[in-house]
């Protein structure tokens, strides 16, 4: 999940260093929440995480799953 919420951080929150590359207008945080989502609910793609943000988020996911 990607959120602008900063008031109550969760374990595993990863701030995005390059939110513009992801097509986001405001600084955001990737918050680890594992769930399934029907692809039909995804209306459009707005961007991609930068390589450095993708690496940091992947490291967080790995630390929680393995």
PDB file of N, CA and C in Angstrom:
ATOM      1  N   UNK A   1       0.853  -1.158   0.000  1.00  0.00           N
ATOM      2  CA  UNK A   1       0.000   0.000   0.000  1.00  0.00           C
ATOM      3  C   UNK A   1       0.904   1.228   0.000  1.00  0.00           C
ATOM      4  N   UNK A   2       0.494   2.261  -0.720  1.00  0.00           N
ATOM      5  CA  UNK A   2       1.234   3.520  -0.727  1.00  0.00           C
ATOM      6  C   UNK A   2       0.353   4.573  -0.068  1.00  0.00           C
ATOM      7  N   UNK A   3       0.925   5.295   0.883  1.00  0.00           N
ATOM      8  CA  UNK A   3       0.156   6.262   1.660  1.00  0.00           C
ATOM      9  C   UNK A   3       0.940   7.546   1.881  1.00  0.00           C
ATOM     10  N   UNK A   4       0.221   8.624   2.139  1.00  0.00           N
ATOM     11  CA  UNK A   4       0.853   9.883   2.531  1.00  0.00           C
ATOM     12  C   UNK A   4       0.845  10.021   4.053  1.00  0.00           C
ATOM     13  N   UNK A   5       0.220   9.078   4.752  1.00  0.00           N
ATOM     14  CA  UNK A   5       0.122   9.150   6.211  1.00  0.00           C
ATOM     15  C   UNK A   5       1.505   9.072   6.839  1.00  0.00           C
ATOM     16  N   UNK A   6       1.777   9.987   7.747  1.00  0.00           N
ATOM     17  CA  UNK A   6       3.062   9.989   8.445  1.00  0.00           C
ATOM     18  C   UNK A   6       2.881  10.057   9.956  1.00  0.00           C
ATOM     19  N   UNK A   7       1.642  10.180  10.410  1.00  0.00           N
ATOM     20  CA  UNK A   7       1.402  10.396  11.831  1.00  0.00           C
ATOM     21  C   UNK A   7       1.661   9.176  12.696  1.00  0.00           C
ATOM     22  N   UNK A   8       1.388   7.985  12.187  1.00  0.00           N
ATOM     23  CA  UNK A   8       1.627   6.764  12.963  1.00  0.00           C
ATOM     24  C   UNK A   8       2.351   5.736  12.097  1.00  0.00           C
ATOM     25  N   UNK A   9       3.668   5.781  12.083  1.00  0.00           N
ATOM     26  CA  UNK A   9       4.407   4.832  11.238  1.00  0.00           C
ATOM     27  C   UNK A   9       4.230   3.385  11.690  1.00  0.00           C
ATOM     28  N   UNK A  10       4.259   2.483  10.729  1.00  0.00           N
ATOM     29  CA  UNK A  10       4.171   1.040  10.960  1.00  0.00           C
ATOM     30  C   UNK A  10       5.550   0.440  10.778  1.00  0.00           C
ATOM     31  N   UNK A  11       5.794  -0.710  11.422  1.00  0.00           N
ATOM     32  CA  UNK A  11       7.048  -1.428  11.142  1.00  0.00           C
ATOM     33  C   UNK A  11       7.100  -1.769   9.649  1.00  0.00           C
ATOM     34  N   UNK A  12       8.235  -1.553   9.047  1.00  0.00           N
ATOM     35  CA  UNK A  12       8.376  -1.876   7.630  1.00  0.00           C
ATOM     36  C   UNK A  12       8.048  -0.728   6.696  1.00  0.00           C
ATOM     37  N   UNK A  13       7.579   0.409   7.210  1.00  0.00           N
ATOM     38  CA  UNK A  13       7.318   1.559   6.345  1.00  0.00           C
ATOM     39  C   UNK A  13       8.607   1.969   5.641  1.00  0.00           C
ATOM     40  N   UNK A  14       8.496   2.270   4.349  1.00  0.00           N
ATOM     41  CA  UNK A  14       9.642   2.702   3.564  1.00  0.00           C
ATOM     42  C   UNK A  14       9.273   3.974   2.825  1.00  0.00           C
ATOM     43  N   UNK A  15       9.891   5.080   3.195  1.00  0.00           N
ATOM     44  CA  UNK A  15       9.632   6.344   2.513  1.00  0.00           C
ATOM     45  C   UNK A  15      10.205   6.320   1.110  1.00  0.00           C
ATOM     46  N   UNK A  16       9.470   6.870   0.162  1.00  0.00           N
ATOM     47  CA  UNK A  16       9.955   6.920  -1.216  1.00  0.00           C
ATOM     48  C   UNK A  16      10.845   8.142  -1.396  1.00  0.00           C
ATOM     49  N   UNK A  17      12.027   7.924  -1.912  1.00  0.00           N
ATOM     50  CA  UNK A  17      12.971   9.014  -2.151  1.00  0.00           C
ATOM     51  C   UNK A  17      12.615   9.766  -3.436  1.00  0.00           C
ATOM     52  N   UNK A  18      11.966   9.086  -4.390  1.00  0.00           N
ATOM     53  CA  UNK A  18      11.651   9.677  -5.692  1.00  0.00           C
ATOM     54  C   UNK A  18      10.186   9.432  -6.020  1.00  0.00           C
ATOM     55  N   UNK A  19       9.288  10.101  -5.292  1.00  0.00           N
ATOM     56  CA  UNK A  19       7.857   9.868  -5.497  1.00  0.00           C
ATOM     57  C   UNK A  19       7.387  10.331  -6.874  1.00  0.00           C
ATOM     58  N   UNK A  20       8.059  11.328  -7.454  1.00  0.00           N
ATOM     59  CA  UNK A  20       7.661  11.794  -8.785  1.00  0.00           C
ATOM     60  C   UNK A  20       7.829  10.708  -9.846  1.00  0.00           C
ATOM     61  N   UNK A  21       8.883   9.899  -9.739  1.00  0.00           N
ATOM     62  CA  UNK A  21       9.111   8.821 -10.704  1.00  0.00           C
ATOM     63  C   UNK A  21       7.977   7.807 -10.671  1.00  0.00           C
ATOM     64  N   UNK A  22       7.344   7.687  -9.508  1.00  0.00           N
ATOM     65  CA  UNK A  22       6.237   6.749  -9.367  1.00  0.00           C
ATOM     66  C   UNK A  22       4.911   7.371  -9.793  1.00  0.00           C
ATOM     67  N   UNK A  23       4.942   8.617 -10.281  1.00  0.00           N
ATOM     68  CA  UNK A  23       3.727   9.278 -10.714  1.00  0.00           C
ATOM     69  C   UNK A  23       2.914   9.854  -9.565  1.00  0.00           C
ATOM     70  N   UNK A  24       3.563  10.055  -8.429  1.00  0.00           N
ATOM     71  CA  UNK A  24       2.872  10.557  -7.241  1.00  0.00           C
ATOM     72  C   UNK A  24       3.181  12.039  -7.052  1.00  0.00           C
ATOM     73  N   UNK A  25       2.199  12.810  -6.622  1.00  0.00           N
ATOM     74  CA  UNK A  25       2.365  14.257  -6.482  1.00  0.00           C
ATOM     75  C   UNK A  25       2.935  14.673  -5.126  1.00  0.00           C
ATOM     76  N   UNK A  26       2.788  13.819  -4.123  1.00  0.00           N
ATOM     77  CA  UNK A  26       3.229  14.137  -2.768  1.00  0.00           C
ATOM     78  C   UNK A  26       4.216  13.091  -2.266  1.00  0.00           C
ATOM     79  N   UNK A  27       5.071  13.447  -1.319  1.00  0.00           N
ATOM     80  CA  UNK A  27       5.933  12.433  -0.703  1.00  0.00           C
ATOM     81  C   UNK A  27       5.070  11.320  -0.097  1.00  0.00           C
ATOM     82  N   UNK A  28       5.480  10.083  -0.302  1.00  0.00           N
ATOM     83  CA  UNK A  28       4.681   8.936   0.129  1.00  0.00           C
ATOM     84  C   UNK A  28       5.549   7.881   0.801  1.00  0.00           C
ATOM     85  N   UNK A  29       4.861   6.967   1.439  1.00  0.00           N
ATOM     86  CA  UNK A  29       5.480   5.843   2.118  1.00  0.00           C
ATOM     87  C   UNK A  29       4.859   4.558   1.608  1.00  0.00           C
ATOM     88  N   UNK A  30       5.690   3.558   1.353  1.00  0.00           N
ATOM     89  CA  UNK A  30       5.177   2.220   1.051  1.00  0.00           C
ATOM     90  C   UNK A  30       4.978   1.531   2.391  1.00  0.00           C
ATOM     91  N   UNK A  31       3.753   1.116   2.647  1.00  0.00           N
ATOM     92  CA  UNK A  31       3.400   0.441   3.904  1.00  0.00           C
ATOM     93  C   UNK A  31       3.121  -1.015   3.583  1.00  0.00           C
ATOM     94  N   UNK A  32       3.858  -1.913   4.241  1.00  0.00           N
ATOM     95  CA  UNK A  32       3.717  -3.333   3.958  1.00  0.00           C
ATOM     96  C   UNK A  32       2.381  -3.856   4.472  1.00  0.00           C
ATOM     97  N   UNK A  33       1.531  -4.227   3.543  1.00  0.00           N
ATOM     98  CA  UNK A  33       0.265  -4.898   3.833  1.00  0.00           C
ATOM     99  C   UNK A  33       0.113  -5.938   2.729  1.00  0.00           C
ATOM    100  N   UNK A  34       0.096  -7.169   3.109  1.00  0.00           N
ATOM    101  CA  UNK A  34      -0.013  -8.240   2.124  1.00  0.00           C
ATOM    102  C   UNK A  34      -1.486  -8.626   1.992  1.00  0.00           C
ATOM    103  N   UNK A  35      -1.995  -8.532   0.778  1.00  0.00           N
ATOM    104  CA  UNK A  35      -3.379  -8.910   0.512  1.00  0.00           C
ATOM    105  C   UNK A  35      -3.504  -9.211  -0.973  1.00  0.00           C
ATOM    106  N   UNK A  36      -4.619  -9.752  -1.359  1.00  0.00           N
ATOM    107  CA  UNK A  36      -4.859 -10.007  -2.778  1.00  0.00           C
ATOM    108  C   UNK A  36      -5.845  -8.969  -3.297  1.00  0.00           C
ATOM    109  N   UNK A  37      -5.707  -8.649  -4.557  1.00  0.00           N
ATOM    110  CA  UNK A  37      -6.562  -7.666  -5.193  1.00  0.00           C
ATOM    111  C   UNK A  37      -6.904  -8.172  -6.586  1.00  0.00           C
ATOM    112  N   UNK A  38      -8.163  -8.203  -6.887  1.00  0.00           N
ATOM    113  CA  UNK A  38      -8.610  -8.622  -8.214  1.00  0.00           C
ATOM    114  C   UNK A  38      -8.088  -7.618  -9.243  1.00  0.00           C
ATOM    115  N   UNK A  39      -7.406  -8.093 -10.270  1.00  0.00           N
ATOM    116  CA  UNK A  39      -6.835  -7.217 -11.295  1.00  0.00           C
ATOM    117  C   UNK A  39      -7.878  -6.326 -11.959  1.00  0.00           C
ATOM    118  N   UNK A  40      -9.132  -6.730 -11.962  1.00  0.00           N
ATOM    119  CA  UNK A  40     -10.183  -5.905 -12.582  1.00  0.00           C
ATOM    120  C   UNK A  40     -10.410  -4.606 -11.818  1.00  0.00           C
ATOM    121  N   UNK A  41      -9.936  -4.535 -10.574  1.00  0.00           N
ATOM    122  CA  UNK A  41     -10.105  -3.321  -9.781  1.00  0.00           C
ATOM    123  C   UNK A  41      -9.013  -2.280 -10.043  1.00  0.00           C
ATOM    124  N   UNK A  42      -7.967  -2.684 -10.750  1.00  0.00           N
ATOM    125  CA  UNK A  42      -6.886  -1.754 -11.086  1.00  0.00           C
ATOM    126  C   UNK A  42      -7.295  -1.015 -12.358  1.00  0.00           C
ATOM    127  N   UNK A  43      -7.493   0.282 -12.238  1.00  0.00           N
ATOM    128  CA  UNK A  43      -8.009   1.064 -13.351  1.00  0.00           C
ATOM    129  C   UNK A  43      -6.919   1.548 -14.300  1.00  0.00           C
ATOM    130  N   UNK A  44      -5.754   1.911 -13.753  1.00  0.00           N
ATOM    131  CA  UNK A  44      -4.658   2.385 -14.609  1.00  0.00           C
ATOM    132  C   UNK A  44      -3.348   2.348 -13.829  1.00  0.00           C
ATOM    133  N   UNK A  45      -2.286   2.425 -14.558  1.00  0.00           N
ATOM    134  CA  UNK A  45      -0.947   2.461 -13.966  1.00  0.00           C
ATOM    135  C   UNK A  45      -0.472   3.904 -14.013  1.00  0.00           C
ATOM    136  N   UNK A  46       0.018   4.419 -12.883  1.00  0.00           N
ATOM    137  CA  UNK A  46       0.423   5.828 -12.870  1.00  0.00           C
ATOM    138  C   UNK A  46       1.929   6.015 -12.933  1.00  0.00           C
ATOM    139  N   UNK A  47       2.714   4.986 -12.681  1.00  0.00           N
ATOM    140  CA  UNK A  47       4.165   5.124 -12.725  1.00  0.00           C
ATOM    141  C   UNK A  47       4.853   3.895 -12.176  1.00  0.00           C
ATOM    142  N   UNK A  48       6.145   4.001 -12.011  1.00  0.00           N
ATOM    143  CA  UNK A  48       6.983   2.922 -11.494  1.00  0.00           C
ATOM    144  C   UNK A  48       7.867   3.476 -10.393  1.00  0.00           C
ATOM    145  N   UNK A  49       8.185   2.635  -9.420  1.00  0.00           N
ATOM    146  CA  UNK A  49       9.153   3.037  -8.407  1.00  0.00           C
ATOM    147  C   UNK A  49      10.524   3.168  -9.055  1.00  0.00           C
ATOM    148  N   UNK A  50      11.291   4.128  -8.588  1.00  0.00           N
ATOM    149  CA  UNK A  50      12.663   4.257  -9.084  1.00  0.00           C
ATOM    150  C   UNK A  50      13.437   3.001  -8.665  1.00  0.00           C
ATOM    151  N   UNK A  51      14.561   2.765  -9.300  1.00  0.00           N
ATOM    152  CA  UNK A  51      15.356   1.562  -8.994  1.00  0.00           C
ATOM    153  C   UNK A  51      15.764   1.529  -7.518  1.00  0.00           C
ATOM    154  N   UNK A  52      16.177   2.671  -6.973  1.00  0.00           N
ATOM    155  CA  UNK A  52      16.613   2.680  -5.568  1.00  0.00           C
ATOM    156  C   UNK A  52      15.443   2.458  -4.613  1.00  0.00           C
ATOM    157  N   UNK A  53      14.267   3.050  -4.905  1.00  0.00           N
ATOM    158  CA  UNK A  53      13.092   2.822  -4.064  1.00  0.00           C
ATOM    159  C   UNK A  53      12.632   1.369  -4.158  1.00  0.00           C
ATOM    160  N   UNK A  54      12.656   0.819  -5.378  1.00  0.00           N
ATOM    161  CA  UNK A  54      12.246  -0.578  -5.573  1.00  0.00           C
ATOM    162  C   UNK A  54      13.156  -1.519  -4.767  1.00  0.00           C
ATOM    163  N   UNK A  55      14.460  -1.224  -4.752  1.00  0.00           N
ATOM    164  CA  UNK A  55      15.397  -2.058  -4.004  1.00  0.00           C
ATOM    165  C   UNK A  55      15.107  -1.997  -2.504  1.00  0.00           C
ATOM    166  N   UNK A  56      14.871  -0.790  -1.974  1.00  0.00           N
ATOM    167  CA  UNK A  56      14.609  -0.644  -0.545  1.00  0.00           C
ATOM    168  C   UNK A  56      13.304  -1.319  -0.139  1.00  0.00           C
ATOM    169  N   UNK A  57      12.270  -1.188  -0.957  1.00  0.00           N
ATOM    170  CA  UNK A  57      10.992  -1.852  -0.652  1.00  0.00           C
ATOM    171  C   UNK A  57      11.166  -3.364  -0.730  1.00  0.00           C
ATOM    172  N   UNK A  58      11.877  -3.858  -1.735  1.00  0.00           N
ATOM    173  CA  UNK A  58      12.121  -5.302  -1.862  1.00  0.00           C
ATOM    174  C   UNK A  58      12.858  -5.855  -0.650  1.00  0.00           C
ATOM    175  N   UNK A  59      13.828  -5.093  -0.158  1.00  0.00           N
ATOM    176  CA  UNK A  59      14.564  -5.539   1.034  1.00  0.00           C
ATOM    177  C   UNK A  59      13.641  -5.642   2.242  1.00  0.00           C
ATOM    178  N   UNK A  60      12.732  -4.700   2.395  1.00  0.00           N
ATOM    179  CA  UNK A  60      11.771  -4.757   3.508  1.00  0.00           C
ATOM    180  C   UNK A  60      10.867  -5.973   3.379  1.00  0.00           C
ATOM    181  N   UNK A  61      10.343  -6.226   2.191  1.00  0.00           N
ATOM    182  CA  UNK A  61       9.459  -7.377   1.968  1.00  0.00           C
ATOM    183  C   UNK A  61      10.222  -8.663   2.284  1.00  0.00           C
ATOM    184  N   UNK A  62      11.451  -8.777   1.775  1.00  0.00           N
ATOM    185  CA  UNK A  62      12.265  -9.958   2.036  1.00  0.00           C
ATOM    186  C   UNK A  62      12.494 -10.176   3.528  1.00  0.00           C
ATOM    187  N   UNK A  63      12.736  -9.093   4.257  1.00  0.00           N
ATOM    188  CA  UNK A  63      13.014  -9.239   5.692  1.00  0.00           C
ATOM    189  C   UNK A  63      11.784  -9.736   6.455  1.00  0.00           C
ATOM    190  N   UNK A  64      10.596  -9.476   5.950  1.00  0.00           N
ATOM    191  CA  UNK A  64       9.377  -9.933   6.617  1.00  0.00           C
ATOM    192  C   UNK A  64       8.938 -11.321   6.173  1.00  0.00           C
ATOM    193  N   UNK A  65       9.290 -11.706   4.962  1.00  0.00           N
ATOM    194  CA  UNK A  65       8.815 -13.002   4.449  1.00  0.00           C
ATOM    195  C   UNK A  65       9.799 -14.133   4.636  1.00  0.00           C
ATOM    196  N   UNK A  66      11.091 -13.827   4.763  1.00  0.00           N
ATOM    197  CA  UNK A  66      12.098 -14.901   4.829  1.00  0.00           C
ATOM    198  C   UNK A  66      12.857 -14.880   6.118  1.00  0.00           C
TER     199      UNK A  66
END
